[in-house]
Amino acid sequence: MGLFGGFLAQRNAERDARKYRDLIRREAKIGGELFGPVANGARREFFCLDEYTWIWHEEWVQDGERRAVTTRYDVRPQGILKAQDGQPYHYLSEDEARSFYKAVKLYNKRVQLELYANA
C-alpha cells in the first residue's frame, strides 16, 4: 500500500467517522424533539447507537446546578433492559415497553423523513 496509500486510507476512515458522528448527532436531536420542546439551556437526545442499543440523554439546569440523566435501553429477545446512570439493568414493564416501541417507531419515521428521504 505504501506510505501515501496508508495516509489516504487513514484520512478516508477519519472522514467516514466524522460523517457517522454527525449523523448520530442529527438523529439524536430529532429523537430528543419527539417528546416535546426542549427548554432553553437544556439538551435532550434519543438515538439508536447500534442494532440493539438505544440511548436517552437529558441535561438541564436546576437550582443553578447542571443535572444530567442517561438511560440505556438494550433490546433483547427476552425483553428490553433499561439502566440509568450506572444503576443495574432491569426489564421494562409491559406499559414502558409499549411506550418505548411507540417512541422507536416515531423516531424511525422522523429520521427517515428528515435525514434520509433524499439520500
PDB file of N, CA and C in Angstrom:
ATOM      1  N   MET A   1       0.830  -1.186   0.000  1.00  0.00           N
ATOM      2  CA  MET A   1       0.000   0.000   0.000  1.00  0.00           C
ATOM      3  C   MET A   1       0.869   1.243   0.000  1.00  0.00           C
ATOM      4  N   GLY A   2       1.972   1.232   0.708  1.00  0.00           N
ATOM      5  CA  GLY A   2       2.874   2.369   0.727  1.00  0.00           C
ATOM      6  C   GLY A   2       2.424   3.449   1.690  1.00  0.00           C
ATOM      7  N   LEU A   3       3.314   4.383   1.899  1.00  0.00           N
ATOM      8  CA  LEU A   3       3.065   5.462   2.846  1.00  0.00           C
ATOM      9  C   LEU A   3       1.890   6.333   2.415  1.00  0.00           C
ATOM     10  N   PHE A   4       1.845   6.699   1.144  1.00  0.00           N
ATOM     11  CA  PHE A   4       0.774   7.563   0.659  1.00  0.00           C
ATOM     12  C   PHE A   4      -0.582   6.858   0.721  1.00  0.00           C
ATOM     13  N   GLY A   5      -0.619   5.578   0.346  1.00  0.00           N
ATOM     14  CA  GLY A   5      -1.860   4.804   0.408  1.00  0.00           C
ATOM     15  C   GLY A   5      -2.369   4.670   1.827  1.00  0.00           C
ATOM     16  N   GLY A   6      -1.449   4.470   2.763  1.00  0.00           N
ATOM     17  CA  GLY A   6      -1.827   4.377   4.173  1.00  0.00           C
ATOM     18  C   GLY A   6      -2.393   5.687   4.690  1.00  0.00           C
ATOM     19  N   PHE A   7      -1.780   6.788   4.265  1.00  0.00           N
ATOM     20  CA  PHE A   7      -2.264   8.109   4.654  1.00  0.00           C
ATOM     21  C   PHE A   7      -3.674   8.350   4.124  1.00  0.00           C
ATOM     22  N   LEU A   8      -3.903   8.008   2.853  1.00  0.00           N
ATOM     23  CA  LEU A   8      -5.237   8.186   2.256  1.00  0.00           C
ATOM     24  C   LEU A   8      -6.279   7.323   2.951  1.00  0.00           C
ATOM     25  N   ALA A   9      -5.907   6.083   3.258  1.00  0.00           N
ATOM     26  CA  ALA A   9      -6.846   5.185   3.945  1.00  0.00           C
ATOM     27  C   ALA A   9      -7.214   5.746   5.318  1.00  0.00           C
ATOM     28  N   GLN A  10      -6.232   6.258   6.033  1.00  0.00           N
ATOM     29  CA  GLN A  10      -6.498   6.833   7.356  1.00  0.00           C
ATOM     30  C   GLN A  10      -7.375   8.076   7.219  1.00  0.00           C
ATOM     31  N   ARG A  11      -7.090   8.912   6.242  1.00  0.00           N
ATOM     32  CA  ARG A  11      -7.894  10.120   6.028  1.00  0.00           C
ATOM     33  C   ARG A  11      -9.334   9.769   5.686  1.00  0.00           C
ATOM     34  N   ASN A  12      -9.520   8.750   4.848  1.00  0.00           N
ATOM     35  CA  ASN A  12     -10.873   8.304   4.493  1.00  0.00           C
ATOM     36  C   ASN A  12     -11.606   7.752   5.710  1.00  0.00           C
ATOM     37  N   ALA A  13     -10.905   6.992   6.539  1.00  0.00           N
ATOM     38  CA  ALA A  13     -11.518   6.424   7.748  1.00  0.00           C
ATOM     39  C   ALA A  13     -11.934   7.535   8.701  1.00  0.00           C
ATOM     40  N   GLU A  14     -11.085   8.560   8.844  1.00  0.00           N
ATOM     41  CA  GLU A  14     -11.420   9.687   9.715  1.00  0.00           C
ATOM     42  C   GLU A  14     -12.625  10.456   9.164  1.00  0.00           C
ATOM     43  N   ARG A  15     -12.668  10.635   7.846  1.00  0.00           N
ATOM     44  CA  ARG A  15     -13.803  11.327   7.220  1.00  0.00           C
ATOM     45  C   ARG A  15     -15.090  10.541   7.449  1.00  0.00           C
ATOM     46  N   ASP A  16     -15.023   9.221   7.260  1.00  0.00           N
ATOM     47  CA  ASP A  16     -16.207   8.384   7.474  1.00  0.00           C
ATOM     48  C   ASP A  16     -16.663   8.436   8.932  1.00  0.00           C
ATOM     49  N   ALA A  17     -15.723   8.432   9.867  1.00  0.00           N
ATOM     50  CA  ALA A  17     -16.063   8.507  11.294  1.00  0.00           C
ATOM     51  C   ALA A  17     -16.729   9.840  11.614  1.00  0.00           C
ATOM     52  N   ARG A  18     -16.232  10.951  11.023  1.00  0.00           N
ATOM     53  CA  ARG A  18     -16.854  12.260  11.233  1.00  0.00           C
ATOM     54  C   ARG A  18     -18.274  12.276  10.685  1.00  0.00           C
ATOM     55  N   LYS A  19     -18.478  11.704   9.503  1.00  0.00           N
ATOM     56  CA  LYS A  19     -19.817  11.648   8.904  1.00  0.00           C
ATOM     57  C   LYS A  19     -20.771  10.858   9.797  1.00  0.00           C
ATOM     58  N   TYR A  20     -20.289   9.716  10.307  1.00  0.00           N
ATOM     59  CA  TYR A  20     -21.113   8.871  11.174  1.00  0.00           C
ATOM     60  C   TYR A  20     -21.493   9.633  12.448  1.00  0.00           C
ATOM     61  N   ARG A  21     -20.522  10.295  13.089  1.00  0.00           N
ATOM     62  CA  ARG A  21     -20.809  11.065  14.311  1.00  0.00           C
ATOM     63  C   ARG A  21     -21.802  12.186  14.027  1.00  0.00           C
ATOM     64  N   ASP A  22     -21.649  12.851  12.881  1.00  0.00           N
ATOM     65  CA  ASP A  22     -22.575  13.926  12.514  1.00  0.00           C
ATOM     66  C   ASP A  22     -23.994  13.386  12.343  1.00  0.00           C
ATOM     67  N   LEU A  23     -24.123  12.239  11.682  1.00  0.00           N
ATOM     68  CA  LEU A  23     -25.452  11.639  11.506  1.00  0.00           C
ATOM     69  C   LEU A  23     -26.068  11.247  12.841  1.00  0.00           C
ATOM     70  N   ILE A  24     -25.270  10.656  13.724  1.00  0.00           N
ATOM     71  CA  ILE A  24     -25.776  10.277  15.054  1.00  0.00           C
ATOM     72  C   ILE A  24     -26.251  11.526  15.802  1.00  0.00           C
ATOM     73  N   ARG A  25     -25.478  12.610  15.748  1.00  0.00           N
ATOM     74  CA  ARG A  25     -25.880  13.861  16.423  1.00  0.00           C
ATOM     75  C   ARG A  25     -27.199  14.385  15.858  1.00  0.00           C
ATOM     76  N   ARG A  26     -27.327  14.343  14.538  1.00  0.00           N
ATOM     77  CA  ARG A  26     -28.554  14.832  13.908  1.00  0.00           C
ATOM     78  C   ARG A  26     -29.743  13.940  14.261  1.00  0.00           C
ATOM     79  N   GLU A  27     -29.529  12.619  14.261  1.00  0.00           N
ATOM     80  CA  GLU A  27     -30.595  11.697  14.661  1.00  0.00           C
ATOM     81  C   GLU A  27     -30.971  11.920  16.126  1.00  0.00           C
ATOM     82  N   ALA A  28     -29.972  12.113  16.983  1.00  0.00           N
ATOM     83  CA  ALA A  28     -30.214  12.309  18.415  1.00  0.00           C
ATOM     84  C   ALA A  28     -31.040  13.566  18.664  1.00  0.00           C
ATOM     85  N   LYS A  29     -30.768  14.617  17.916  1.00  0.00           N
ATOM     86  CA  LYS A  29     -31.525  15.869  18.060  1.00  0.00           C
ATOM     87  C   LYS A  29     -32.981  15.654  17.654  1.00  0.00           C
ATOM     88  N   ILE A  30     -33.190  14.997  16.519  1.00  0.00           N
ATOM     89  CA  ILE A  30     -34.560  14.684  16.088  1.00  0.00           C
ATOM     90  C   ILE A  30     -35.256  13.833  17.148  1.00  0.00           C
ATOM     91  N   GLY A  31     -34.570  12.807  17.636  1.00  0.00           N
ATOM     92  CA  GLY A  31     -35.137  11.938  18.662  1.00  0.00           C
ATOM     93  C   GLY A  31     -35.495  12.688  19.929  1.00  0.00           C
ATOM     94  N   GLY A  32     -34.664  13.649  20.311  1.00  0.00           N
ATOM     95  CA  GLY A  32     -34.931  14.427  21.519  1.00  0.00           C
ATOM     96  C   GLY A  32     -36.148  15.318  21.400  1.00  0.00           C
ATOM     97  N   GLU A  33     -36.502  15.677  20.173  1.00  0.00           N
ATOM     98  CA  GLU A  33     -37.658  16.545  19.949  1.00  0.00           C
ATOM     99  C   GLU A  33     -38.979  15.774  19.891  1.00  0.00           C
ATOM    100  N   LEU A  34     -38.914  14.457  19.896  1.00  0.00           N
ATOM    101  CA  LEU A  34     -40.133  13.643  19.816  1.00  0.00           C
ATOM    102  C   LEU A  34     -41.053  13.842  21.011  1.00  0.00           C
ATOM    103  N   PHE A  35     -40.487  14.237  22.132  1.00  0.00           N
ATOM    104  CA  PHE A  35     -41.233  14.278  23.384  1.00  0.00           C
ATOM    105  C   PHE A  35     -41.561  15.697  23.815  1.00  0.00           C
ATOM    106  N   GLY A  36     -41.619  16.601  22.846  1.00  0.00           N
ATOM    107  CA  GLY A  36     -41.967  17.988  23.133  1.00  0.00           C
ATOM    108  C   GLY A  36     -40.764  18.892  23.024  1.00  0.00           C
ATOM    109  N   PRO A  37     -41.017  20.187  23.162  1.00  0.00           N
ATOM    110  CA  PRO A  37     -39.937  21.164  23.020  1.00  0.00           C
ATOM    111  C   PRO A  37     -38.890  21.014  24.118  1.00  0.00           C
ATOM    112  N   VAL A  38     -37.658  21.331  23.767  1.00  0.00           N
ATOM    113  CA  VAL A  38     -36.546  21.295  24.719  1.00  0.00           C
ATOM    114  C   VAL A  38     -36.361  22.710  25.262  1.00  0.00           C
ATOM    115  N   ALA A  39     -36.340  22.843  26.573  1.00  0.00           N
ATOM    116  CA  ALA A  39     -36.215  24.162  27.212  1.00  0.00           C
ATOM    117  C   ALA A  39     -34.873  24.808  26.879  1.00  0.00           C
ATOM    118  N   ASN A  40     -34.849  26.136  26.906  1.00  0.00           N
ATOM    119  CA  ASN A  40     -33.600  26.862  26.700  1.00  0.00           C
ATOM    120  C   ASN A  40     -32.569  26.416  27.729  1.00  0.00           C
ATOM    121  N   GLY A  41     -31.353  26.214  27.291  1.00  0.00           N
ATOM    122  CA  GLY A  41     -30.285  25.793  28.189  1.00  0.00           C
ATOM    123  C   GLY A  41     -30.294  24.309  28.502  1.00  0.00           C
ATOM    124  N   ALA A  42     -31.262  23.590  27.953  1.00  0.00           N
ATOM    125  CA  ALA A  42     -31.356  22.145  28.185  1.00  0.00           C
ATOM    126  C   ALA A  42     -30.965  21.400  26.909  1.00  0.00           C
ATOM    127  N   ARG A  43     -30.712  20.146  27.069  1.00  0.00           N
ATOM    128  CA  ARG A  43     -30.388  19.295  25.919  1.00  0.00           C
ATOM    129  C   ARG A  43     -31.055  17.945  26.136  1.00  0.00           C
ATOM    130  N   ARG A  44     -31.681  17.441  25.101  1.00  0.00           N
ATOM    131  CA  ARG A  44     -32.319  16.128  25.166  1.00  0.00           C
ATOM    132  C   ARG A  44     -31.975  15.374  23.885  1.00  0.00           C
ATOM    133  N   GLU A  45     -31.568  14.127  24.043  1.00  0.00           N
ATOM    134  CA  GLU A  45     -31.226  13.290  22.887  1.00  0.00           C
ATOM    135  C   GLU A  45     -31.835  11.900  23.071  1.00  0.00           C
ATOM    136  N   PHE A  46     -32.274  11.348  21.967  1.00  0.00           N
ATOM    137  CA  PHE A  46     -32.758   9.970  21.936  1.00  0.00           C
ATOM    138  C   PHE A  46     -32.300   9.404  20.609  1.00  0.00           C
ATOM    139  N   PHE A  47     -31.543   8.307  20.650  1.00  0.00           N
ATOM    140  CA  PHE A  47     -30.995   7.791  19.402  1.00  0.00           C
ATOM    141  C   PHE A  47     -30.635   6.317  19.506  1.00  0.00           C
ATOM    142  N   CYS A  48     -30.497   5.731  18.346  1.00  0.00           N
ATOM    143  CA  CYS A  48     -30.116   4.331  18.212  1.00  0.00           C
ATOM    144  C   CYS A  48     -28.604   4.268  18.036  1.00  0.00           C
ATOM    145  N   LEU A  49     -27.925   3.668  18.981  1.00  0.00           N
ATOM    146  CA  LEU A  49     -26.467   3.575  18.932  1.00  0.00           C
ATOM    147  C   LEU A  49     -26.017   2.441  18.020  1.00  0.00           C
ATOM    148  N   ASP A  50     -26.694   1.316  18.120  1.00  0.00           N
ATOM    149  CA  ASP A  50     -26.410   0.179  17.248  1.00  0.00           C
ATOM    150  C   ASP A  50     -27.678  -0.673  17.147  1.00  0.00           C
ATOM    151  N   GLU A  51     -27.566  -1.836  16.590  1.00  0.00           N
ATOM    152  CA  GLU A  51     -28.737  -2.683  16.318  1.00  0.00           C
ATOM    153  C   GLU A  51     -29.580  -2.979  17.560  1.00  0.00           C
ATOM    154  N   TYR A  52     -28.947  -2.996  18.742  1.00  0.00           N
ATOM    155  CA  TYR A  52     -29.656  -3.401  19.956  1.00  0.00           C
ATOM    156  C   TYR A  52     -29.711  -2.330  21.042  1.00  0.00           C
ATOM    157  N   THR A  53     -29.049  -1.197  20.846  1.00  0.00           N
ATOM    158  CA  THR A  53     -28.857  -0.235  21.923  1.00  0.00           C
ATOM    159  C   THR A  53     -29.446   1.132  21.585  1.00  0.00           C
ATOM    160  N   TRP A  54     -30.259   1.629  22.506  1.00  0.00           N
ATOM    161  CA  TRP A  54     -30.860   2.960  22.386  1.00  0.00           C
ATOM    162  C   TRP A  54     -30.428   3.784  23.587  1.00  0.00           C
ATOM    163  N   ILE A  55     -30.227   5.083  23.353  1.00  0.00           N
ATOM    164  CA  ILE A  55     -29.785   5.987  24.405  1.00  0.00           C
ATOM    165  C   ILE A  55     -30.764   7.153  24.526  1.00  0.00           C
ATOM    166  N   TRP A  56     -31.116   7.476  25.760  1.00  0.00           N
ATOM    167  CA  TRP A  56     -31.882   8.681  26.082  1.00  0.00           C
ATOM    168  C   TRP A  56     -30.969   9.493  27.005  1.00  0.00           C
ATOM    169  N   HIS A  57     -30.685  10.725  26.621  1.00  0.00           N
ATOM    170  CA  HIS A  57     -29.832  11.585  27.452  1.00  0.00           C
ATOM    171  C   HIS A  57     -30.504  12.937  27.581  1.00  0.00           C
ATOM    172  N   GLU A  58     -30.533  13.442  28.797  1.00  0.00           N
ATOM    173  CA  GLU A  58     -31.140  14.744  29.031  1.00  0.00           C
ATOM    174  C   GLU A  58     -30.282  15.535  30.018  1.00  0.00           C
ATOM    175  N   GLU A  59     -30.070  16.811  29.711  1.00  0.00           N
ATOM    176  CA  GLU A  59     -29.337  17.726  30.588  1.00  0.00           C
ATOM    177  C   GLU A  59     -30.176  18.976  30.789  1.00  0.00           C
ATOM    178  N   TRP A  60     -30.149  19.521  32.004  1.00  0.00           N
ATOM    179  CA  TRP A  60     -30.886  20.734  32.311  1.00  0.00           C
ATOM    180  C   TRP A  60     -30.235  21.403  33.522  1.00  0.00           C
ATOM    181  N   VAL A  61     -30.647  22.625  33.802  1.00  0.00           N
ATOM    182  CA  VAL A  61     -30.156  23.355  34.976  1.00  0.00           C
ATOM    183  C   VAL A  61     -31.301  23.457  35.968  1.00  0.00           C
ATOM    184  N   GLN A  62     -30.999  23.084  37.220  1.00  0.00           N
ATOM    185  CA  GLN A  62     -31.998  23.149  38.290  1.00  0.00           C
ATOM    186  C   GLN A  62     -31.320  23.745  39.522  1.00  0.00           C
ATOM    187  N   ASP A  63     -31.906  24.793  40.049  1.00  0.00           N
ATOM    188  CA  ASP A  63     -31.343  25.480  41.220  1.00  0.00           C
ATOM    189  C   ASP A  63     -29.879  25.876  40.982  1.00  0.00           C
ATOM    190  N   GLY A  64     -29.599  26.300  39.761  1.00  0.00           N
ATOM    191  CA  GLY A  64     -28.247  26.751  39.426  1.00  0.00           C
ATOM    192  C   GLY A  64     -27.244  25.641  39.180  1.00  0.00           C
ATOM    193  N   GLU A  65     -27.673  24.388  39.295  1.00  0.00           N
ATOM    194  CA  GLU A  65     -26.769  23.246  39.077  1.00  0.00           C
ATOM    195  C   GLU A  65     -27.144  22.509  37.815  1.00  0.00           C
ATOM    196  N   ARG A  66     -26.139  22.075  37.078  1.00  0.00           N
ATOM    197  CA  ARG A  66     -26.358  21.301  35.872  1.00  0.00           C
ATOM    198  C   ARG A  66     -26.675  19.857  36.272  1.00  0.00           C
ATOM    199  N   ARG A  67     -27.764  19.354  35.762  1.00  0.00           N
ATOM    200  CA  ARG A  67     -28.201  17.969  36.016  1.00  0.00           C
ATOM    201  C   ARG A  67     -28.165  17.201  34.704  1.00  0.00           C
ATOM    202  N   ALA A  68     -27.993  15.905  34.800  1.00  0.00           N
ATOM    203  CA  ALA A  68     -27.993  15.059  33.601  1.00  0.00           C
ATOM    204  C   ALA A  68     -28.455  13.654  33.969  1.00  0.00           C
ATOM    205  N   VAL A  69     -29.171  13.052  33.061  1.00  0.00           N
ATOM    206  CA  VAL A  69     -29.615  11.663  33.210  1.00  0.00           C
ATOM    207  C   VAL A  69     -29.383  10.969  31.876  1.00  0.00           C
ATOM    208  N   THR A  70     -28.749   9.813  31.942  1.00  0.00           N
ATOM    209  CA  THR A  70     -28.548   8.999  30.745  1.00  0.00           C
ATOM    210  C   THR A  70     -29.186   7.643  30.989  1.00  0.00           C
ATOM    211  N   THR A  71     -30.030   7.237  30.067  1.00  0.00           N
ATOM    212  CA  THR A  71     -30.707   5.948  30.149  1.00  0.00           C
ATOM    213  C   THR A  71     -30.314   5.130  28.933  1.00  0.00           C
ATOM    214  N   ARG A  72     -29.957   3.902  29.177  1.00  0.00           N
ATOM    215  CA  ARG A  72     -29.565   2.994  28.103  1.00  0.00           C
ATOM    216  C   ARG A  72     -30.590   1.862  28.034  1.00  0.00           C
ATOM    217  N   TYR A  73     -31.070   1.593  26.823  1.00  0.00           N
ATOM    218  CA  TYR A  73     -32.018   0.513  26.584  1.00  0.00           C
ATOM    219  C   TYR A  73     -31.332  -0.541  25.719  1.00  0.00           C
ATOM    220  N   ASP A  74     -31.302  -1.771  26.188  1.00  0.00           N
ATOM    221  CA  ASP A  74     -30.743  -2.880  25.424  1.00  0.00           C
ATOM    222  C   ASP A  74     -31.880  -3.810  25.024  1.00  0.00           C
ATOM    223  N   VAL A  75     -32.114  -3.900  23.733  1.00  0.00           N
ATOM    224  CA  VAL A  75     -33.209  -4.715  23.199  1.00  0.00           C
ATOM    225  C   VAL A  75     -32.707  -6.146  23.052  1.00  0.00           C
ATOM    226  N   ARG A  76     -33.375  -7.045  23.729  1.00  0.00           N
ATOM    227  CA  ARG A  76     -33.004  -8.469  23.735  1.00  0.00           C
ATOM    228  C   ARG A  76     -34.229  -9.298  23.365  1.00  0.00           C
ATOM    229  N   PRO A  77     -34.019 -10.538  22.927  1.00  0.00           N
ATOM    230  CA  PRO A  77     -35.173 -11.399  22.593  1.00  0.00           C
ATOM    231  C   PRO A  77     -36.136 -11.589  23.765  1.00  0.00           C
ATOM    232  N   GLN A  78     -35.619 -11.566  25.005  1.00  0.00           N
ATOM    233  CA  GLN A  78     -36.455 -11.785  26.189  1.00  0.00           C
ATOM    234  C   GLN A  78     -37.185 -10.529  26.632  1.00  0.00           C
ATOM    235  N   GLY A  79     -36.791  -9.358  26.111  1.00  0.00           N
ATOM    236  CA  GLY A  79     -37.400  -8.101  26.522  1.00  0.00           C
ATOM    237  C   GLY A  79     -36.409  -6.964  26.401  1.00  0.00           C
ATOM    238  N   ILE A  80     -36.783  -5.832  26.921  1.00  0.00           N
ATOM    239  CA  ILE A  80     -35.941  -4.642  26.827  1.00  0.00           C
ATOM    240  C   ILE A  80     -35.391  -4.327  28.210  1.00  0.00           C
ATOM    241  N   LEU A  81     -34.059  -4.307  28.296  1.00  0.00           N
ATOM    242  CA  LEU A  81     -33.392  -3.973  29.543  1.00  0.00           C
ATOM    243  C   LEU A  81     -33.124  -2.479  29.599  1.00  0.00           C
ATOM    244  N   LYS A  82     -33.243  -1.912  30.798  1.00  0.00           N
ATOM    245  CA  LYS A  82     -33.049  -0.473  30.991  1.00  0.00           C
ATOM    246  C   LYS A  82     -32.087  -0.259  32.155  1.00  0.00           C
ATOM    247  N   ALA A  83     -31.114   0.628  31.930  1.00  0.00           N
ATOM    248  CA  ALA A  83     -30.216   1.036  33.013  1.00  0.00           C
ATOM    249  C   ALA A  83     -30.091   2.549  32.962  1.00  0.00           C
ATOM    250  N   GLN A  84     -30.074   3.156  34.130  1.00  0.00           N
ATOM    251  CA  GLN A  84     -29.999   4.611  34.208  1.00  0.00           C
ATOM    252  C   GLN A  84     -28.829   5.017  35.087  1.00  0.00           C
ATOM    253  N   ASP A  85     -27.938   5.833  34.516  1.00  0.00           N
ATOM    254  CA  ASP A  85     -26.803   6.392  35.243  1.00  0.00           C
ATOM    255  C   ASP A  85     -26.038   5.362  36.075  1.00  0.00           C
ATOM    256  N   GLY A  86     -25.673   4.269  35.458  1.00  0.00           N
ATOM    257  CA  GLY A  86     -24.839   3.278  36.121  1.00  0.00           C
ATOM    258  C   GLY A  86     -25.566   2.343  37.071  1.00  0.00           C
ATOM    259  N   GLN A  87     -26.863   2.483  37.209  1.00  0.00           N
ATOM    260  CA  GLN A  87     -27.641   1.587  38.069  1.00  0.00           C
ATOM    261  C   GLN A  87     -27.779   0.232  37.379  1.00  0.00           C
ATOM    262  N   PRO A  88     -28.154  -0.816  38.110  1.00  0.00           N
ATOM    263  CA  PRO A  88     -28.320  -2.134  37.498  1.00  0.00           C
ATOM    264  C   PRO A  88     -29.447  -2.144  36.455  1.00  0.00           C
ATOM    265  N   TYR A  89     -29.318  -3.042  35.512  1.00  0.00           N
ATOM    266  CA  TYR A  89     -30.356  -3.205  34.492  1.00  0.00           C
ATOM    267  C   TYR A  89     -31.597  -3.851  35.099  1.00  0.00           C
ATOM    268  N   HIS A  90     -32.748  -3.490  34.534  1.00  0.00           N
ATOM    269  CA  HIS A  90     -33.995  -4.192  34.842  1.00  0.00           C
ATOM    270  C   HIS A  90     -34.841  -4.190  33.574  1.00  0.00           C
ATOM    271  N   TYR A  91     -35.732  -5.164  33.479  1.00  0.00           N
ATOM    272  CA  TYR A  91     -36.606  -5.249  32.306  1.00  0.00           C
ATOM    273  C   TYR A  91     -37.709  -4.208  32.392  1.00  0.00           C
ATOM    274  N   LEU A  92     -38.075  -3.656  31.247  1.00  0.00           N
ATOM    275  CA  LEU A  92     -39.186  -2.708  31.194  1.00  0.00           C
ATOM    276  C   LEU A  92     -40.491  -3.430  31.495  1.00  0.00           C
ATOM    277  N   SER A  93     -41.389  -2.715  32.127  1.00  0.00           N
ATOM    278  CA  SER A  93     -42.738  -3.242  32.322  1.00  0.00           C
ATOM    279  C   SER A  93     -43.419  -3.277  30.952  1.00  0.00           C
ATOM    280  N   GLU A  94     -44.548  -3.926  30.887  1.00  0.00           N
ATOM    281  CA  GLU A  94     -45.282  -4.014  29.627  1.00  0.00           C
ATOM    282  C   GLU A  94     -45.667  -2.613  29.111  1.00  0.00           C
ATOM    283  N   ASP A  95     -46.126  -1.745  30.013  1.00  0.00           N
ATOM    284  CA  ASP A  95     -46.502  -0.382  29.615  1.00  0.00           C
ATOM    285  C   ASP A  95     -45.295   0.414  29.126  1.00  0.00           C
ATOM    286  N   GLU A  96     -44.183   0.309  29.866  1.00  0.00           N
ATOM    287  CA  GLU A  96     -42.961   1.001  29.452  1.00  0.00           C
ATOM    288  C   GLU A  96     -42.478   0.494  28.095  1.00  0.00           C
ATOM    289  N   ALA A  97     -42.544  -0.816  27.893  1.00  0.00           N
ATOM    290  CA  ALA A  97     -42.102  -1.402  26.627  1.00  0.00           C
ATOM    291  C   ALA A  97     -42.983  -0.904  25.480  1.00  0.00           C
ATOM    292  N   ARG A  98     -44.264  -0.795  25.726  1.00  0.00           N
ATOM    293  CA  ARG A  98     -45.185  -0.290  24.704  1.00  0.00           C
ATOM    294  C   ARG A  98     -44.841   1.167  24.347  1.00  0.00           C
ATOM    295  N   SER A  99     -44.584   1.981  25.344  1.00  0.00           N
ATOM    296  CA  SER A  99     -44.197   3.379  25.112  1.00  0.00           C
ATOM    297  C   SER A  99     -42.865   3.466  24.373  1.00  0.00           C
ATOM    298  N   PHE A 100     -41.926   2.629  24.761  1.00  0.00           N
ATOM    299  CA  PHE A 100     -40.622   2.597  24.090  1.00  0.00           C
ATOM    300  C   PHE A 100     -40.796   2.233  22.617  1.00  0.00           C
ATOM    301  N   TYR A 101     -41.603   1.227  22.358  1.00  0.00           N
ATOM    302  CA  TYR A 101     -41.857   0.786  20.983  1.00  0.00           C
ATOM    303  C   TYR A 101     -42.461   1.926  20.152  1.00  0.00           C
ATOM    304  N   LYS A 102     -43.414   2.654  20.720  1.00  0.00           N
ATOM    305  CA  LYS A 102     -44.020   3.795  20.012  1.00  0.00           C
ATOM    306  C   LYS A 102     -42.973   4.870  19.714  1.00  0.00           C
ATOM    307  N   ALA A 103     -42.111   5.148  20.698  1.00  0.00           N
ATOM    308  CA  ALA A 103     -41.060   6.153  20.504  1.00  0.00           C
ATOM    309  C   ALA A 103     -40.091   5.731  19.403  1.00  0.00           C
ATOM    310  N   VAL A 104     -39.733   4.459  19.376  1.00  0.00           N
ATOM    311  CA  VAL A 104     -38.816   3.947  18.348  1.00  0.00           C
ATOM    312  C   VAL A 104     -39.452   4.052  16.960  1.00  0.00           C
ATOM    313  N   LYS A 105     -40.736   3.699  16.866  1.00  0.00           N
ATOM    314  CA  LYS A 105     -41.427   3.815  15.575  1.00  0.00           C
ATOM    315  C   LYS A 105     -41.457   5.262  15.099  1.00  0.00           C
ATOM    316  N   LEU A 106     -41.792   6.174  15.988  1.00  0.00           N
ATOM    317  CA  LEU A 106     -41.845   7.586  15.637  1.00  0.00           C
ATOM    318  C   LEU A 106     -40.454   8.108  15.267  1.00  0.00           C
ATOM    319  N   TYR A 107     -39.456   7.722  16.042  1.00  0.00           N
ATOM    320  CA  TYR A 107     -38.059   8.095  15.758  1.00  0.00           C
ATOM    321  C   TYR A 107     -37.675   7.641  14.353  1.00  0.00           C
ATOM    322  N   ASN A 108     -37.909   6.371  14.056  1.00  0.00           N
ATOM    323  CA  ASN A 108     -37.535   5.843  12.744  1.00  0.00           C
ATOM    324  C   ASN A 108     -38.239   6.595  11.624  1.00  0.00           C
ATOM    325  N   LYS A 109     -39.501   6.895  11.817  1.00  0.00           N
ATOM    326  CA  LYS A 109     -40.273   7.611  10.800  1.00  0.00           C
ATOM    327  C   LYS A 109     -39.706   9.014  10.577  1.00  0.00           C
ATOM    328  N   ARG A 110     -39.482   9.749  11.670  1.00  0.00           N
ATOM    329  CA  ARG A 110     -38.977  11.129  11.554  1.00  0.00           C
ATOM    330  C   ARG A 110     -37.560  11.173  10.984  1.00  0.00           C
ATOM    331  N   VAL A 111     -36.686  10.290  11.459  1.00  0.00           N
ATOM    332  CA  VAL A 111     -35.307  10.276  10.979  1.00  0.00           C
ATOM    333  C   VAL A 111     -35.274   9.928   9.492  1.00  0.00           C
ATOM    334  N   GLN A 112     -36.051   8.949   9.105  1.00  0.00           N
ATOM    335  CA  GLN A 112     -36.119   8.547   7.704  1.00  0.00           C
ATOM    336  C   GLN A 112     -36.600   9.712   6.841  1.00  0.00           C
ATOM    337  N   LEU A 113     -37.636  10.382   7.295  1.00  0.00           N
ATOM    338  CA  LEU A 113     -38.227  11.500   6.547  1.00  0.00           C
ATOM    339  C   LEU A 113     -37.299  12.710   6.495  1.00  0.00           C
ATOM    340  N   GLU A 114     -36.710  13.078   7.647  1.00  0.00           N
ATOM    341  CA  GLU A 114     -35.947  14.305   7.724  1.00  0.00           C
ATOM    342  C   GLU A 114     -34.484  14.186   7.321  1.00  0.00           C
ATOM    343  N   LEU A 115     -33.903  12.993   7.431  1.00  0.00           N
ATOM    344  CA  LEU A 115     -32.480  12.846   7.108  1.00  0.00           C
ATOM    345  C   LEU A 115     -32.213  12.028   5.851  1.00  0.00           C
ATOM    346  N   TYR A 116     -32.990  10.991   5.627  1.00  0.00           N
ATOM    347  CA  TYR A 116     -32.624  10.038   4.591  1.00  0.00           C
ATOM    348  C   TYR A 116     -33.562   9.968   3.407  1.00  0.00           C
ATOM    349  N   ALA A 117     -34.624  10.740   3.412  1.00  0.00           N
ATOM    350  CA  ALA A 117     -35.614  10.670   2.311  1.00  0.00           C
ATOM    351  C   ALA A 117     -35.008  11.051   0.975  1.00  0.00           C
ATOM    352  N   ASN A 118     -34.089  11.984   0.971  1.00  0.00           N
ATOM    353  CA  ASN A 118     -33.497  12.461  -0.293  1.00  0.00           C
ATOM    354  C   ASN A 118     -32.109  11.897  -0.539  1.00  0.00           C
ATOM    355  N   ALA A 119     -31.690  10.953   0.277  1.00  0.00           N
ATOM    356  CA  ALA A 119     -30.335  10.398   0.134  1.00  0.00           C
ATOM    357  C   ALA A 119     -30.243   9.453  -1.036  1.00  0.00           C
TER     358      ALA A 119
END
